[in-house]
Amino acid sequence: MMKKLLIIFSLILISCSSKIDKNQLHLLNGYWEIKEVTLKDGVKKEYSINSTIDYIQLDSLKGFRKKVEPKFNGTFETSNDAEPFTIRISNDSIFMSYNNDSNTWEEVLTQLSEESFKVKNNQGITYTYNKFEPINITP
């Protein structure tokens, strides 16, 4: 009986999980800092301080992601390097597809809100990002 209840409860949780709507993708735009990496075996690594953050800009289904370094005055230092990506939608899943001169890979977007997002790569590693909150120290 307990096993049946567990199965029913699991099915309810799965069916209640919200899918990411294509109209939510604009929420990816902005500055994000990595908060946690969860390996395939469930081991987690938390990041409390980040020297660089990711800036994502998405227009329609094309965008780029680049590393920037926040400064104490609220500005950012950046290079001209940017990793272009496209959004691919397949079987109710949203993929961020990257392709550069040396590599091609995809991450599936598993969660997206105004405050956070999660992606999972082909190796089963999940990356959790939170919206970056700048530290502004002015004299």
Protein backbone atom coordinates (compact mmCIF):
# COMPACT_ATOMS: atom_id res chain seq x y z
CA MET A 1 0.00 0.00 0.00
CA MET A 2 2.80 2.43 0.93
CA LYS A 3 4.55 1.74 -2.37
CA LYS A 4 1.35 2.57 -4.32
CA LEU A 5 0.97 5.84 -2.42
CA LEU A 6 4.57 6.75 -3.18
CA ILE A 7 4.04 6.07 -6.90
CA ILE A 8 0.83 8.12 -6.95
CA PHE A 9 2.50 10.99 -5.10
CA SER A 10 5.44 10.92 -7.55
CA LEU A 11 3.09 11.02 -10.53
CA ILE A 12 1.23 13.98 -9.05
CA LEU A 13 4.49 15.87 -8.55
CA ILE A 14 5.61 15.15 -12.10
CA SER A 15 2.28 16.20 -13.58
CA CYS A 16 2.22 19.41 -11.53
CA SER A 17 5.68 20.51 -12.57
CA SER A 18 5.43 23.58 -14.72
CA LYS A 19 6.84 23.61 -18.21
CA ILE A 20 8.76 26.63 -19.40
CA ASP A 21 6.74 28.65 -21.87
CA LYS A 22 8.48 30.16 -24.90
CA ASN A 23 7.06 33.54 -23.82
CA GLN A 24 9.14 33.36 -20.62
CA LEU A 25 12.47 33.25 -22.46
CA HIS A 26 12.92 37.04 -22.19
CA LEU A 27 13.55 36.40 -18.47
CA LEU A 28 17.00 35.07 -19.42
CA ASN A 29 18.14 38.59 -20.34
CA GLY A 30 20.41 40.14 -17.74
CA TYR A 31 23.17 39.38 -15.29
CA TRP A 32 23.35 35.98 -13.58
CA GLU A 33 25.67 34.41 -11.03
CA ILE A 34 26.16 30.72 -10.55
CA LYS A 35 24.89 29.51 -7.18
CA GLU A 36 25.14 25.74 -7.34
CA VAL A 37 26.36 22.86 -9.48
CA THR A 38 24.77 19.45 -8.99
CA LEU A 39 26.67 16.51 -10.43
CA LYS A 40 24.96 13.48 -11.94
CA ASP A 41 25.50 11.49 -8.73
CA GLY A 42 23.76 14.21 -6.67
CA VAL A 43 26.91 15.76 -5.20
CA LYS A 44 26.46 19.53 -4.93
CA LYS A 45 28.97 22.35 -5.01
CA GLU A 46 27.78 25.75 -3.81
CA TYR A 47 29.24 29.09 -4.89
CA SER A 48 28.91 31.87 -2.34
CA ILE A 49 31.27 34.34 -4.03
CA ASN A 50 31.82 34.75 -7.78
CA SER A 51 34.53 36.87 -9.35
CA THR A 52 32.75 36.72 -12.72
CA ILE A 53 29.11 36.56 -13.67
CA ASP A 54 27.27 35.74 -16.89
CA TYR A 55 25.54 38.35 -19.00
CA ILE A 56 22.86 36.90 -21.28
CA GLN A 57 21.17 38.76 -24.08
CA LEU A 58 18.43 37.01 -26.06
CA ASP A 59 16.47 38.42 -28.97
CA SER A 60 13.87 36.11 -30.46
CA LEU A 61 15.56 32.71 -30.47
CA LYS A 62 19.18 33.92 -30.83
CA GLY A 63 21.45 35.35 -28.22
CA PHE A 64 24.83 35.40 -26.58
CA ARG A 65 26.35 34.76 -23.20
CA LYS A 66 29.51 36.40 -21.92
CA LYS A 67 31.52 36.55 -18.73
CA VAL A 68 31.76 39.93 -17.02
CA GLU A 69 33.52 41.05 -13.87
CA PRO A 70 31.47 43.23 -11.52
CA LYS A 71 33.14 46.29 -9.97
CA PHE A 72 32.31 47.89 -6.62
CA ASN A 73 30.99 51.04 -8.32
CA GLY A 74 28.21 49.11 -10.07
CA THR A 75 29.93 48.83 -13.46
CA PHE A 76 31.31 45.75 -15.20
CA GLU A 77 34.60 44.91 -16.85
CA THR A 78 34.25 42.73 -19.90
CA SER A 79 36.08 41.45 -22.92
CA ASN A 80 34.85 41.19 -26.49
CA ASP A 81 34.43 37.40 -26.14
CA ALA A 82 30.83 36.22 -26.32
CA GLU A 83 29.41 32.72 -26.73
CA PRO A 84 26.54 32.83 -29.24
CA PHE A 85 23.63 30.43 -28.76
CA THR A 86 20.27 29.64 -30.26
CA ILE A 87 17.12 28.40 -28.62
CA ARG A 88 15.82 25.05 -29.87
CA ILE A 89 12.40 23.79 -28.81
CA SER A 90 11.74 20.07 -29.06
CA ASN A 91 9.18 17.81 -27.33
CA ASP A 92 8.13 20.51 -24.83
CA SER A 93 11.78 21.08 -23.86
CA ILE A 94 13.81 24.22 -24.43
CA PHE A 95 17.48 23.85 -25.32
CA MET A 96 20.24 26.43 -25.37
CA SER A 97 22.42 25.28 -28.29
CA TYR A 98 26.02 26.49 -28.50
CA ASN A 99 28.33 26.13 -31.48
CA ASN A 100 31.83 27.58 -31.80
CA ASP A 101 34.99 26.75 -33.74
CA SER A 102 36.05 24.00 -31.33
CA ASN A 103 32.89 22.63 -29.75
CA THR A 104 29.13 22.08 -30.02
CA TRP A 105 26.90 21.44 -27.00
CA GLU A 106 23.42 21.90 -25.61
CA GLU A 107 21.89 22.58 -22.24
CA VAL A 108 18.23 21.95 -21.49
CA LEU A 109 16.51 24.75 -19.60
CA THR A 110 14.77 23.04 -16.69
CA GLN A 111 13.62 26.02 -14.64
CA LEU A 112 13.15 29.73 -15.37
CA SER A 113 11.82 32.60 -13.29
CA GLU A 114 12.63 36.28 -12.79
CA GLU A 115 15.03 35.35 -9.99
CA SER A 116 16.69 32.11 -11.12
CA PHE A 117 17.17 29.53 -13.82
CA LYS A 118 18.59 26.02 -14.14
CA VAL A 119 20.17 24.23 -17.08
CA LYS A 120 21.27 20.62 -17.40
CA ASN A 121 23.98 19.50 -19.82
CA ASN A 122 24.51 16.21 -21.67
CA GLN A 123 26.67 14.85 -18.83
CA GLY A 124 23.77 15.23 -16.38
CA ILE A 125 25.29 18.21 -14.56
CA THR A 126 22.77 20.84 -13.43
CA TYR A 127 23.80 24.49 -13.08
CA THR A 128 21.68 26.81 -10.93
CA TYR A 129 21.92 30.57 -11.52
CA ASN A 130 20.44 33.44 -9.53
CA LYS A 131 19.86 36.98 -10.73
CA PHE A 132 22.93 39.05 -9.91
CA GLU A 133 22.50 41.71 -7.24
CA PRO A 134 25.30 44.28 -7.55
CA ILE A 135 27.19 45.58 -4.56
CA ASN A 136 27.41 49.34 -4.92
CA ILE A 137 29.93 51.00 -2.65
CA THR A 138 30.05 54.73 -3.24
CA PRO A 139 32.07 57.19 -1.19
